[in-house]
N, C-alpha and C. Protein backbone atom coordinates (compact mmCIF):
# COMPACT_ATOMS: atom_id res chain seq x y z
N GLU A 1 -5.17 13.10 1.32
CA GLU A 1 -6.16 13.37 2.34
C GLU A 1 -5.91 12.41 3.50
N PHE A 2 -5.90 12.94 4.72
CA PHE A 2 -5.70 12.12 5.90
C PHE A 2 -7.06 11.79 6.49
N GLY A 3 -7.37 10.49 6.55
CA GLY A 3 -8.67 10.05 7.03
C GLY A 3 -8.76 9.92 8.53
N GLY A 4 -7.66 10.11 9.24
CA GLY A 4 -7.69 10.06 10.69
C GLY A 4 -7.12 8.78 11.25
N CYS A 5 -6.85 8.84 12.55
CA CYS A 5 -6.30 7.71 13.27
C CYS A 5 -6.45 7.98 14.76
N ASP A 6 -6.83 6.98 15.50
CA ASP A 6 -6.92 7.09 16.95
C ASP A 6 -5.51 7.21 17.50
N PRO A 7 -5.17 8.33 18.16
CA PRO A 7 -3.80 8.50 18.65
C PRO A 7 -3.41 7.48 19.72
N ALA A 8 -4.36 6.79 20.30
CA ALA A 8 -4.05 5.78 21.30
C ALA A 8 -3.56 4.48 20.66
N LEU A 9 -3.77 4.30 19.36
CA LEU A 9 -3.31 3.09 18.68
C LEU A 9 -1.80 3.15 18.50
N LYS A 10 -1.13 2.10 18.91
CA LYS A 10 0.31 2.03 18.75
C LYS A 10 0.65 0.67 18.16
N ALA A 11 1.50 0.69 17.14
CA ALA A 11 1.93 -0.55 16.49
C ALA A 11 3.33 -0.92 16.96
N ARG A 12 3.60 -2.22 16.98
CA ARG A 12 4.95 -2.70 17.27
C ARG A 12 5.68 -2.75 15.92
N ALA A 13 6.53 -1.76 15.67
CA ALA A 13 7.17 -1.66 14.36
C ALA A 13 8.45 -0.85 14.46
N ASP A 14 9.35 -1.09 13.53
CA ASP A 14 10.55 -0.28 13.38
C ASP A 14 10.14 1.00 12.65
N ALA A 15 10.43 2.15 13.23
CA ALA A 15 9.97 3.43 12.68
C ALA A 15 10.47 3.67 11.25
N GLU A 16 11.73 3.35 10.98
CA GLU A 16 12.27 3.58 9.63
C GLU A 16 11.62 2.67 8.60
N LYS A 17 11.39 1.41 8.98
CA LYS A 17 10.74 0.48 8.05
C LYS A 17 9.29 0.89 7.81
N LEU A 18 8.61 1.29 8.86
CA LEU A 18 7.23 1.75 8.73
C LEU A 18 7.16 2.97 7.81
N GLN A 19 8.07 3.91 8.01
CA GLN A 19 8.11 5.11 7.17
C GLN A 19 8.34 4.73 5.71
N GLN A 20 9.23 3.78 5.45
CA GLN A 20 9.52 3.36 4.08
C GLN A 20 8.29 2.74 3.42
N ILE A 21 7.57 1.90 4.16
CA ILE A 21 6.38 1.26 3.60
C ILE A 21 5.33 2.31 3.26
N VAL A 22 5.04 3.19 4.20
CA VAL A 22 4.00 4.21 3.96
C VAL A 22 4.41 5.12 2.81
N LEU A 23 5.68 5.49 2.74
CA LEU A 23 6.17 6.31 1.63
C LEU A 23 5.98 5.59 0.29
N ASN A 24 6.32 4.30 0.24
CA ASN A 24 6.14 3.53 -0.99
C ASN A 24 4.67 3.49 -1.40
N LEU A 25 3.78 3.26 -0.44
CA LEU A 25 2.35 3.18 -0.75
C LEU A 25 1.80 4.51 -1.23
N LEU A 26 2.17 5.60 -0.56
CA LEU A 26 1.70 6.92 -0.97
C LEU A 26 2.27 7.32 -2.34
N THR A 27 3.53 6.99 -2.58
CA THR A 27 4.14 7.29 -3.88
C THR A 27 3.42 6.56 -5.00
N ASN A 28 3.15 5.26 -4.80
CA ASN A 28 2.43 4.50 -5.82
C ASN A 28 1.03 5.06 -6.03
N ALA A 29 0.35 5.37 -4.95
CA ALA A 29 -1.02 5.89 -5.07
C ALA A 29 -1.02 7.19 -5.87
N GLY A 30 -0.08 8.07 -5.58
CA GLY A 30 0.01 9.32 -6.32
C GLY A 30 0.38 9.11 -7.78
N LYS A 31 1.25 8.15 -8.03
CA LYS A 31 1.72 7.89 -9.38
C LYS A 31 0.60 7.36 -10.29
N PHE A 32 -0.30 6.56 -9.73
CA PHE A 32 -1.33 5.92 -10.54
C PHE A 32 -2.71 6.56 -10.41
N THR A 33 -2.78 7.72 -9.78
CA THR A 33 -4.04 8.45 -9.65
C THR A 33 -3.97 9.70 -10.53
N GLU A 34 -4.97 9.87 -11.36
CA GLU A 34 -5.00 11.01 -12.28
C GLU A 34 -5.21 12.31 -11.49
N PRO A 35 -4.79 13.45 -12.06
CA PRO A 35 -5.06 14.74 -11.42
C PRO A 35 -6.56 14.89 -11.13
N GLY A 36 -6.88 15.37 -9.95
CA GLY A 36 -8.27 15.48 -9.53
C GLY A 36 -8.78 14.25 -8.82
N GLY A 37 -7.99 13.16 -8.84
CA GLY A 37 -8.35 11.94 -8.13
C GLY A 37 -8.10 12.11 -6.64
N ARG A 38 -8.24 11.03 -5.91
CA ARG A 38 -8.16 11.11 -4.46
C ARG A 38 -7.25 10.02 -3.90
N VAL A 39 -6.40 10.39 -2.96
CA VAL A 39 -5.56 9.46 -2.22
C VAL A 39 -5.84 9.69 -0.74
N THR A 40 -6.14 8.63 0.00
CA THR A 40 -6.41 8.77 1.43
C THR A 40 -5.48 7.86 2.24
N LEU A 41 -5.18 8.31 3.44
CA LEU A 41 -4.37 7.57 4.40
C LEU A 41 -5.14 7.56 5.70
N GLU A 42 -5.32 6.37 6.27
CA GLU A 42 -6.02 6.29 7.56
C GLU A 42 -5.49 5.11 8.37
N GLY A 43 -5.63 5.22 9.67
CA GLY A 43 -5.23 4.17 10.58
C GLY A 43 -6.40 3.76 11.45
N ALA A 44 -6.46 2.47 11.80
CA ALA A 44 -7.56 1.98 12.62
C ALA A 44 -7.15 0.67 13.29
N ALA A 45 -7.90 0.29 14.31
CA ALA A 45 -7.70 -1.01 14.94
C ALA A 45 -8.12 -2.08 13.94
N ALA A 46 -7.40 -3.19 13.96
CA ALA A 46 -7.73 -4.33 13.11
C ALA A 46 -7.84 -5.55 14.02
N GLY A 47 -9.04 -5.80 14.50
CA GLY A 47 -9.21 -6.86 15.48
C GLY A 47 -8.67 -6.42 16.83
N THR A 48 -8.39 -7.38 17.69
CA THR A 48 -7.95 -7.03 19.04
C THR A 48 -6.44 -6.85 19.16
N GLY A 49 -5.67 -7.43 18.25
CA GLY A 49 -4.24 -7.38 18.43
C GLY A 49 -3.46 -6.74 17.32
N ALA A 50 -4.13 -5.97 16.47
CA ALA A 50 -3.42 -5.40 15.33
C ALA A 50 -3.87 -3.98 15.03
N VAL A 51 -3.02 -3.30 14.29
CA VAL A 51 -3.29 -1.95 13.79
C VAL A 51 -3.22 -2.03 12.27
N ALA A 52 -4.14 -1.35 11.60
CA ALA A 52 -4.15 -1.33 10.14
C ALA A 52 -3.93 0.10 9.65
N ILE A 53 -3.03 0.24 8.70
CA ILE A 53 -2.79 1.51 8.03
C ILE A 53 -3.21 1.29 6.58
N ARG A 54 -4.14 2.11 6.12
CA ARG A 54 -4.73 1.91 4.79
C ARG A 54 -4.44 3.11 3.90
N VAL A 55 -3.91 2.83 2.72
CA VAL A 55 -3.71 3.86 1.69
C VAL A 55 -4.60 3.47 0.52
N ALA A 56 -5.55 4.34 0.19
CA ALA A 56 -6.50 4.06 -0.89
C ALA A 56 -6.42 5.17 -1.94
N ASP A 57 -6.73 4.80 -3.18
CA ASP A 57 -6.71 5.79 -4.25
C ASP A 57 -7.85 5.55 -5.23
N THR A 58 -8.09 6.53 -6.06
CA THR A 58 -9.09 6.42 -7.12
C THR A 58 -8.38 6.27 -8.47
N GLY A 59 -7.27 5.56 -8.45
CA GLY A 59 -6.44 5.40 -9.64
C GLY A 59 -6.95 4.35 -10.61
N HIS A 60 -6.01 3.80 -11.38
CA HIS A 60 -6.34 2.86 -12.45
C HIS A 60 -6.95 1.56 -11.95
N GLY A 61 -6.55 1.10 -10.80
CA GLY A 61 -6.99 -0.20 -10.30
C GLY A 61 -6.14 -1.32 -10.88
N ILE A 62 -6.28 -2.50 -10.30
CA ILE A 62 -5.46 -3.65 -10.68
C ILE A 62 -6.39 -4.83 -10.89
N ALA A 63 -6.24 -5.52 -12.01
CA ALA A 63 -7.06 -6.69 -12.30
C ALA A 63 -6.82 -7.77 -11.26
N PRO A 64 -7.86 -8.54 -10.90
CA PRO A 64 -7.69 -9.60 -9.90
C PRO A 64 -6.54 -10.55 -10.20
N ALA A 65 -6.34 -10.91 -11.46
CA ALA A 65 -5.27 -11.84 -11.82
C ALA A 65 -3.87 -11.27 -11.56
N GLN A 66 -3.76 -9.97 -11.44
CA GLN A 66 -2.46 -9.32 -11.23
C GLN A 66 -2.18 -8.98 -9.77
N GLN A 67 -3.17 -9.10 -8.91
CA GLN A 67 -3.04 -8.56 -7.55
C GLN A 67 -1.98 -9.25 -6.70
N GLU A 68 -1.75 -10.53 -6.83
CA GLU A 68 -0.67 -11.17 -6.07
C GLU A 68 0.67 -10.95 -6.76
N ARG A 69 0.66 -10.87 -8.07
CA ARG A 69 1.90 -10.69 -8.83
C ARG A 69 2.60 -9.37 -8.50
N ILE A 70 1.84 -8.33 -8.16
CA ILE A 70 2.46 -7.02 -7.93
C ILE A 70 3.39 -7.01 -6.72
N PHE A 71 3.30 -8.04 -5.88
CA PHE A 71 4.18 -8.12 -4.70
C PHE A 71 5.47 -8.89 -5.00
N GLN A 72 5.63 -9.35 -6.24
CA GLN A 72 6.85 -10.05 -6.63
C GLN A 72 7.86 -9.02 -7.16
N PRO A 73 9.15 -9.25 -6.90
CA PRO A 73 10.16 -8.29 -7.37
C PRO A 73 10.15 -8.15 -8.89
N PHE A 74 10.33 -6.94 -9.34
CA PHE A 74 10.45 -6.56 -10.75
C PHE A 74 9.18 -6.78 -11.57
N VAL A 75 8.05 -6.98 -10.92
CA VAL A 75 6.79 -7.15 -11.64
C VAL A 75 6.06 -5.81 -11.68
N GLN A 76 5.58 -5.47 -12.87
CA GLN A 76 4.76 -4.28 -13.05
C GLN A 76 3.55 -4.68 -13.87
N VAL A 77 2.41 -4.14 -13.53
CA VAL A 77 1.18 -4.46 -14.25
C VAL A 77 1.27 -3.96 -15.68
N ASP A 78 1.81 -2.77 -15.87
CA ASP A 78 1.94 -2.19 -17.20
C ASP A 78 3.32 -2.54 -17.74
N ALA A 79 3.40 -3.59 -18.55
CA ALA A 79 4.69 -4.08 -19.05
C ALA A 79 5.04 -3.52 -20.44
N ARG A 80 4.25 -2.59 -20.95
CA ARG A 80 4.54 -2.01 -22.26
C ARG A 80 5.87 -1.27 -22.24
N LEU A 81 6.54 -1.24 -23.36
CA LEU A 81 7.80 -0.51 -23.45
C LEU A 81 7.59 0.99 -23.27
N ALA A 82 6.45 1.48 -23.68
CA ALA A 82 6.16 2.91 -23.60
C ALA A 82 5.31 3.23 -22.36
N ARG A 83 5.70 2.68 -21.23
CA ARG A 83 4.96 2.94 -19.99
C ARG A 83 5.01 4.43 -19.67
N THR A 84 3.97 4.89 -19.00
CA THR A 84 3.93 6.31 -18.62
C THR A 84 4.38 6.52 -17.18
N HIS A 85 4.65 5.45 -16.44
CA HIS A 85 5.05 5.56 -15.03
C HIS A 85 6.42 4.94 -14.83
N GLU A 86 7.26 5.64 -14.08
CA GLU A 86 8.60 5.15 -13.81
C GLU A 86 8.59 4.12 -12.70
N GLY A 87 9.69 3.39 -12.58
CA GLY A 87 9.87 2.42 -11.52
C GLY A 87 10.32 1.09 -12.07
N VAL A 88 10.91 0.28 -11.19
CA VAL A 88 11.40 -1.03 -11.62
C VAL A 88 10.59 -2.17 -11.02
N GLY A 89 9.60 -1.86 -10.21
CA GLY A 89 8.76 -2.92 -9.66
C GLY A 89 9.28 -3.54 -8.38
N LEU A 90 9.95 -2.77 -7.56
CA LEU A 90 10.47 -3.30 -6.29
C LEU A 90 9.75 -2.78 -5.06
N GLY A 91 9.09 -1.64 -5.15
CA GLY A 91 8.50 -1.00 -3.98
C GLY A 91 7.54 -1.87 -3.20
N LEU A 92 6.60 -2.50 -3.88
CA LEU A 92 5.61 -3.33 -3.17
C LEU A 92 6.24 -4.61 -2.64
N ALA A 93 7.17 -5.20 -3.38
CA ALA A 93 7.85 -6.41 -2.90
C ALA A 93 8.63 -6.11 -1.63
N ILE A 94 9.37 -5.01 -1.64
CA ILE A 94 10.14 -4.62 -0.46
C ILE A 94 9.20 -4.30 0.70
N SER A 95 8.14 -3.57 0.41
CA SER A 95 7.19 -3.19 1.47
C SER A 95 6.56 -4.40 2.13
N ARG A 96 6.15 -5.39 1.33
CA ARG A 96 5.55 -6.60 1.92
C ARG A 96 6.58 -7.35 2.75
N ASP A 97 7.81 -7.46 2.26
CA ASP A 97 8.86 -8.14 3.03
C ASP A 97 9.12 -7.42 4.35
N LEU A 98 9.18 -6.10 4.32
CA LEU A 98 9.38 -5.34 5.56
C LEU A 98 8.23 -5.56 6.53
N ALA A 99 7.00 -5.53 6.02
CA ALA A 99 5.83 -5.74 6.87
C ALA A 99 5.87 -7.12 7.52
N ARG A 100 6.15 -8.13 6.74
CA ARG A 100 6.18 -9.50 7.28
C ARG A 100 7.33 -9.68 8.25
N GLY A 101 8.44 -8.98 8.02
CA GLY A 101 9.57 -9.04 8.94
C GLY A 101 9.25 -8.44 10.30
N MET A 102 8.23 -7.58 10.35
CA MET A 102 7.80 -6.98 11.62
C MET A 102 6.58 -7.70 12.19
N GLY A 103 6.24 -8.86 11.64
CA GLY A 103 5.11 -9.63 12.15
C GLY A 103 3.77 -9.21 11.58
N GLY A 104 3.79 -8.45 10.50
CA GLY A 104 2.55 -7.98 9.89
C GLY A 104 2.38 -8.49 8.48
N ASP A 105 1.61 -7.76 7.69
CA ASP A 105 1.38 -8.13 6.29
C ASP A 105 0.96 -6.90 5.50
N LEU A 106 1.04 -7.01 4.20
CA LEU A 106 0.58 -5.97 3.29
C LEU A 106 -0.31 -6.63 2.25
N THR A 107 -1.54 -6.16 2.14
CA THR A 107 -2.51 -6.75 1.22
C THR A 107 -3.11 -5.66 0.33
N VAL A 108 -3.80 -6.10 -0.72
CA VAL A 108 -4.42 -5.16 -1.65
C VAL A 108 -5.85 -5.60 -1.95
N GLU A 109 -6.71 -4.61 -2.12
CA GLU A 109 -8.05 -4.78 -2.67
C GLU A 109 -8.13 -3.77 -3.81
N SER A 110 -8.56 -4.22 -4.99
CA SER A 110 -8.55 -3.31 -6.12
C SER A 110 -9.57 -3.72 -7.17
N SER A 111 -10.06 -2.72 -7.88
CA SER A 111 -10.97 -2.94 -9.00
C SER A 111 -10.52 -2.05 -10.16
N PRO A 112 -10.30 -2.63 -11.34
CA PRO A 112 -9.91 -1.82 -12.49
C PRO A 112 -10.91 -0.70 -12.75
N GLY A 113 -10.38 0.49 -12.96
CA GLY A 113 -11.21 1.65 -13.23
C GLY A 113 -11.80 2.30 -12.00
N VAL A 114 -11.60 1.70 -10.83
CA VAL A 114 -12.17 2.24 -9.58
C VAL A 114 -11.06 2.71 -8.64
N GLY A 115 -10.01 1.91 -8.51
CA GLY A 115 -8.91 2.27 -7.62
C GLY A 115 -8.43 1.10 -6.80
N SER A 116 -7.51 1.38 -5.90
CA SER A 116 -6.88 0.36 -5.08
C SER A 116 -6.81 0.80 -3.63
N ALA A 117 -6.80 -0.18 -2.74
CA ALA A 117 -6.59 0.08 -1.31
C ALA A 117 -5.57 -0.92 -0.80
N PHE A 118 -4.46 -0.42 -0.31
CA PHE A 118 -3.42 -1.25 0.28
C PHE A 118 -3.52 -1.14 1.79
N THR A 119 -3.53 -2.28 2.47
CA THR A 119 -3.65 -2.29 3.93
C THR A 119 -2.42 -2.94 4.54
N LEU A 120 -1.72 -2.16 5.35
CA LEU A 120 -0.59 -2.63 6.12
C LEU A 120 -1.11 -2.97 7.51
N THR A 121 -0.96 -4.23 7.90
CA THR A 121 -1.40 -4.67 9.22
C THR A 121 -0.17 -5.01 10.05
N LEU A 122 -0.12 -4.46 11.27
CA LEU A 122 1.00 -4.68 12.18
C LEU A 122 0.47 -5.03 13.56
N PRO A 123 1.25 -5.80 14.34
CA PRO A 123 0.82 -6.10 15.70
C PRO A 123 0.77 -4.84 16.55
N ARG A 124 -0.15 -4.82 17.50
CA ARG A 124 -0.21 -3.69 18.44
C ARG A 124 0.94 -3.76 19.41
N ALA A 125 1.37 -2.59 19.83
CA ALA A 125 2.46 -2.50 20.82
C ALA A 125 1.92 -2.85 22.19
């Protein structure tokens, strides 16, 4: 679901890197949201000098103790051998590095059993 975005908002970003980050976030949201759940994408001003792109889901959620760890390479919250989701744990680490390389950041707010919201913040153009 697309939550909207002011078309006048412009971020200072590399288009390919931005596309990769948003693709990673949407892929993760879809992967961890059960059928019938909800994934939203929206853009908005973040203060006077930044743009925020937010991807939120009604998925599993992430425990507070795990929220910083998920941005480390090869870290996955579900470390069981019989995981139900594919991946090696690089998408969020790469996405945060790309965001920071463009002068922005990638953060998460999450509650187990409720869902997660990832916010990509970039400088305005």
